[in-house]
Amino acid sequence: MAQPTIARIERGQDDPRLGTLKRLLLACDETIEVLPRTGAGIDRTEIRVLLGLSPAARVASLVEEAATMDRLSRARRTR
């Protein structure tokens, strides 16, 4: 790869394509991995509902859910 191309990328004057980035990383003995964006595909409906509750109501909900999780955990161990 031409040095002026690398210099433009380093100065932020050029955005390399994925293929160029892969070649640069390969020269540095590195690699790139494409992963799903964090939070992509998450239904935030329930989160919004919980955030709409008062802090006391959220704590009460947590206590109820903790009891349910405890029961499920015990049931699983007895199988």
N, C-alpha and C. Protein backbone atom coordinates (compact mmCIF):
# COMPACT_ATOMS: atom_id res chain seq x y z
N MET A 1 0.86 -1.17 0.00
CA MET A 1 0.00 0.00 0.00
C MET A 1 0.90 1.23 0.00
N ALA A 2 0.49 2.21 -0.75
CA ALA A 2 1.31 3.41 -0.89
C ALA A 2 1.35 4.19 0.43
N GLN A 3 2.54 4.73 0.75
CA GLN A 3 2.71 5.47 1.99
C GLN A 3 1.80 6.69 2.05
N PRO A 4 1.58 7.44 0.95
CA PRO A 4 0.67 8.59 1.03
C PRO A 4 -0.77 8.18 1.41
N THR A 5 -1.18 7.01 0.99
CA THR A 5 -2.51 6.51 1.36
C THR A 5 -2.58 6.27 2.86
N ILE A 6 -1.55 5.65 3.40
CA ILE A 6 -1.50 5.39 4.84
C ILE A 6 -1.48 6.71 5.60
N ALA A 7 -0.71 7.67 5.11
CA ALA A 7 -0.62 8.98 5.77
C ALA A 7 -1.98 9.67 5.80
N ARG A 8 -2.75 9.61 4.70
CA ARG A 8 -4.09 10.22 4.67
C ARG A 8 -5.01 9.56 5.68
N ILE A 9 -4.93 8.24 5.79
CA ILE A 9 -5.76 7.51 6.76
C ILE A 9 -5.36 7.92 8.18
N GLU A 10 -4.06 7.98 8.44
CA GLU A 10 -3.59 8.35 9.77
C GLU A 10 -4.00 9.77 10.16
N ARG A 11 -4.03 10.68 9.19
CA ARG A 11 -4.43 12.07 9.46
C ARG A 11 -5.95 12.23 9.52
N GLY A 12 -6.68 11.16 9.23
CA GLY A 12 -8.14 11.25 9.24
C GLY A 12 -8.71 11.91 8.00
N GLN A 13 -7.92 12.00 6.95
CA GLN A 13 -8.37 12.62 5.69
C GLN A 13 -9.00 11.60 4.76
N ASP A 14 -8.88 10.34 5.09
CA ASP A 14 -9.41 9.27 4.24
C ASP A 14 -9.99 8.18 5.13
N ASP A 15 -11.15 7.68 4.79
CA ASP A 15 -11.77 6.56 5.50
C ASP A 15 -11.53 5.30 4.68
N PRO A 16 -10.72 4.40 5.20
CA PRO A 16 -10.41 3.20 4.42
C PRO A 16 -11.62 2.28 4.31
N ARG A 17 -11.69 1.59 3.20
CA ARG A 17 -12.70 0.54 3.03
C ARG A 17 -12.29 -0.64 3.88
N LEU A 18 -13.22 -1.56 4.08
CA LEU A 18 -12.95 -2.72 4.92
C LEU A 18 -11.75 -3.52 4.42
N GLY A 19 -11.67 -3.70 3.11
CA GLY A 19 -10.54 -4.46 2.54
C GLY A 19 -9.21 -3.79 2.84
N THR A 20 -9.16 -2.46 2.74
CA THR A 20 -7.94 -1.72 3.05
C THR A 20 -7.60 -1.86 4.52
N LEU A 21 -8.60 -1.74 5.38
CA LEU A 21 -8.39 -1.88 6.81
C LEU A 21 -7.87 -3.28 7.14
N LYS A 22 -8.43 -4.29 6.51
CA LYS A 22 -7.95 -5.66 6.74
C LYS A 22 -6.48 -5.81 6.35
N ARG A 23 -6.09 -5.22 5.21
CA ARG A 23 -4.69 -5.32 4.77
C ARG A 23 -3.76 -4.60 5.73
N LEU A 24 -4.18 -3.43 6.22
CA LEU A 24 -3.36 -2.69 7.18
C LEU A 24 -3.20 -3.49 8.48
N LEU A 25 -4.30 -4.06 8.95
CA LEU A 25 -4.24 -4.85 10.18
C LEU A 25 -3.39 -6.10 10.00
N LEU A 26 -3.50 -6.73 8.84
CA LEU A 26 -2.70 -7.92 8.56
C LEU A 26 -1.21 -7.58 8.61
N ALA A 27 -0.84 -6.41 8.10
CA ALA A 27 0.56 -5.99 8.13
C ALA A 27 1.03 -5.79 9.57
N CYS A 28 0.10 -5.50 10.48
CA CYS A 28 0.43 -5.31 11.91
C CYS A 28 0.23 -6.60 12.70
N ASP A 29 -0.04 -7.69 11.97
CA ASP A 29 -0.29 -9.00 12.60
C ASP A 29 -1.53 -8.95 13.50
N GLU A 30 -2.54 -8.23 13.05
CA GLU A 30 -3.81 -8.09 13.76
C GLU A 30 -4.94 -8.50 12.83
N THR A 31 -6.14 -8.55 13.37
CA THR A 31 -7.31 -8.91 12.57
C THR A 31 -8.50 -8.08 13.05
N ILE A 32 -9.57 -8.12 12.27
CA ILE A 32 -10.80 -7.42 12.64
C ILE A 32 -11.94 -8.42 12.61
N GLU A 33 -12.86 -8.27 13.53
CA GLU A 33 -14.00 -9.18 13.62
C GLU A 33 -15.27 -8.35 13.61
N VAL A 34 -16.22 -8.73 12.78
CA VAL A 34 -17.49 -8.03 12.72
C VAL A 34 -18.46 -8.71 13.67
N LEU A 35 -19.01 -7.92 14.60
CA LEU A 35 -19.94 -8.43 15.60
C LEU A 35 -21.23 -7.64 15.54
N PRO A 36 -22.34 -8.23 15.98
CA PRO A 36 -23.58 -7.46 16.04
C PRO A 36 -23.42 -6.29 17.00
N ARG A 37 -24.05 -5.20 16.66
CA ARG A 37 -24.00 -4.02 17.52
C ARG A 37 -24.66 -4.34 18.85
N THR A 38 -24.05 -3.92 19.94
CA THR A 38 -24.59 -4.16 21.27
C THR A 38 -25.98 -3.57 21.36
N GLY A 39 -26.91 -4.39 21.83
CA GLY A 39 -28.28 -3.92 21.99
C GLY A 39 -29.14 -4.08 20.76
N ALA A 40 -28.56 -4.45 19.65
CA ALA A 40 -29.34 -4.62 18.43
C ALA A 40 -30.30 -5.79 18.61
N GLY A 41 -31.54 -5.59 18.26
CA GLY A 41 -32.53 -6.65 18.34
C GLY A 41 -33.17 -6.80 19.70
N ILE A 42 -32.86 -5.91 20.62
CA ILE A 42 -33.45 -5.98 21.96
C ILE A 42 -34.76 -5.22 21.97
N ASP A 43 -35.81 -5.85 22.47
CA ASP A 43 -37.10 -5.18 22.63
C ASP A 43 -37.04 -4.35 23.90
N ARG A 44 -37.07 -3.05 23.74
CA ARG A 44 -36.92 -2.15 24.88
C ARG A 44 -38.27 -1.77 25.52
N THR A 45 -39.35 -2.40 25.08
CA THR A 45 -40.67 -2.09 25.61
C THR A 45 -40.73 -2.28 27.12
N GLU A 46 -40.28 -3.43 27.60
CA GLU A 46 -40.33 -3.73 29.03
C GLU A 46 -39.43 -2.79 29.82
N ILE A 47 -38.29 -2.44 29.24
CA ILE A 47 -37.39 -1.50 29.91
C ILE A 47 -38.08 -0.16 30.10
N ARG A 48 -38.75 0.32 29.06
CA ARG A 48 -39.47 1.60 29.16
C ARG A 48 -40.57 1.54 30.22
N VAL A 49 -41.27 0.41 30.29
CA VAL A 49 -42.32 0.25 31.29
C VAL A 49 -41.71 0.34 32.69
N LEU A 50 -40.61 -0.38 32.91
CA LEU A 50 -39.97 -0.35 34.23
C LEU A 50 -39.45 1.04 34.58
N LEU A 51 -38.91 1.74 33.60
CA LEU A 51 -38.41 3.09 33.87
C LEU A 51 -39.53 4.07 34.17
N GLY A 52 -40.74 3.73 33.73
CA GLY A 52 -41.90 4.57 34.02
C GLY A 52 -42.42 4.40 35.44
N LEU A 53 -41.97 3.34 36.12
CA LEU A 53 -42.41 3.09 37.49
C LEU A 53 -41.63 3.97 38.47
N SER A 54 -42.21 4.17 39.62
CA SER A 54 -41.50 4.88 40.69
C SER A 54 -40.38 3.98 41.20
N PRO A 55 -39.37 4.54 41.84
CA PRO A 55 -38.31 3.69 42.40
C PRO A 55 -38.85 2.63 43.36
N ALA A 56 -39.83 2.99 44.18
CA ALA A 56 -40.41 2.01 45.12
C ALA A 56 -41.09 0.87 44.37
N ALA A 57 -41.80 1.20 43.30
CA ALA A 57 -42.49 0.18 42.51
C ALA A 57 -41.46 -0.73 41.81
N ARG A 58 -40.34 -0.15 41.38
CA ARG A 58 -39.29 -0.96 40.75
C ARG A 58 -38.69 -1.93 41.76
N VAL A 59 -38.46 -1.48 42.97
CA VAL A 59 -37.91 -2.35 44.01
C VAL A 59 -38.90 -3.47 44.33
N ALA A 60 -40.19 -3.14 44.43
CA ALA A 60 -41.21 -4.16 44.71
C ALA A 60 -41.22 -5.20 43.59
N SER A 61 -41.11 -4.74 42.35
CA SER A 61 -41.07 -5.65 41.21
C SER A 61 -39.84 -6.55 41.29
N LEU A 62 -38.72 -5.98 41.67
CA LEU A 62 -37.49 -6.75 41.81
C LEU A 62 -37.62 -7.83 42.87
N VAL A 63 -38.24 -7.49 43.99
CA VAL A 63 -38.44 -8.46 45.07
C VAL A 63 -39.30 -9.62 44.58
N GLU A 64 -40.38 -9.30 43.86
CA GLU A 64 -41.25 -10.35 43.32
C GLU A 64 -40.49 -11.23 42.34
N GLU A 65 -39.73 -10.61 41.45
CA GLU A 65 -38.98 -11.38 40.45
C GLU A 65 -37.89 -12.23 41.10
N ALA A 66 -37.27 -11.71 42.15
CA ALA A 66 -36.23 -12.47 42.85
C ALA A 66 -36.83 -13.73 43.47
N ALA A 67 -38.02 -13.59 44.04
CA ALA A 67 -38.68 -14.75 44.63
C ALA A 67 -39.00 -15.79 43.55
N THR A 68 -39.46 -15.32 42.42
CA THR A 68 -39.77 -16.23 41.31
C THR A 68 -38.50 -16.94 40.83
N MET A 69 -37.42 -16.19 40.67
CA MET A 69 -36.16 -16.78 40.23
C MET A 69 -35.65 -17.81 41.25
N ASP A 70 -35.84 -17.51 42.52
CA ASP A 70 -35.42 -18.44 43.57
C ASP A 70 -36.21 -19.75 43.47
N ARG A 71 -37.52 -19.64 43.28
CA ARG A 71 -38.35 -20.85 43.13
C ARG A 71 -37.93 -21.65 41.90
N LEU A 72 -37.68 -20.97 40.79
CA LEU A 72 -37.27 -21.67 39.57
C LEU A 72 -35.92 -22.36 39.78
N SER A 73 -35.03 -21.70 40.47
CA SER A 73 -33.71 -22.28 40.73
C SER A 73 -33.82 -23.53 41.59
N ARG A 74 -34.66 -23.46 42.62
CA ARG A 74 -34.84 -24.63 43.49
C ARG A 74 -35.49 -25.78 42.72
N ALA A 75 -36.48 -25.46 41.88
CA ALA A 75 -37.16 -26.50 41.09
C ALA A 75 -36.19 -27.16 40.13
N ARG A 76 -35.29 -26.41 39.58
CA ARG A 76 -34.33 -26.98 38.63
C ARG A 76 -33.35 -27.92 39.35
N ARG A 77 -32.95 -27.56 40.57
CA ARG A 77 -32.00 -28.38 41.32
C ARG A 77 -32.61 -29.71 41.74
N THR A 78 -33.93 -29.77 41.91
CA THR A 78 -34.58 -30.99 42.36
C THR A 78 -34.85 -31.95 41.22
N ARG A 79 -34.60 -31.55 40.01
CA ARG A 79 -34.83 -32.44 38.87
C ARG A 79 -33.81 -33.52 38.76
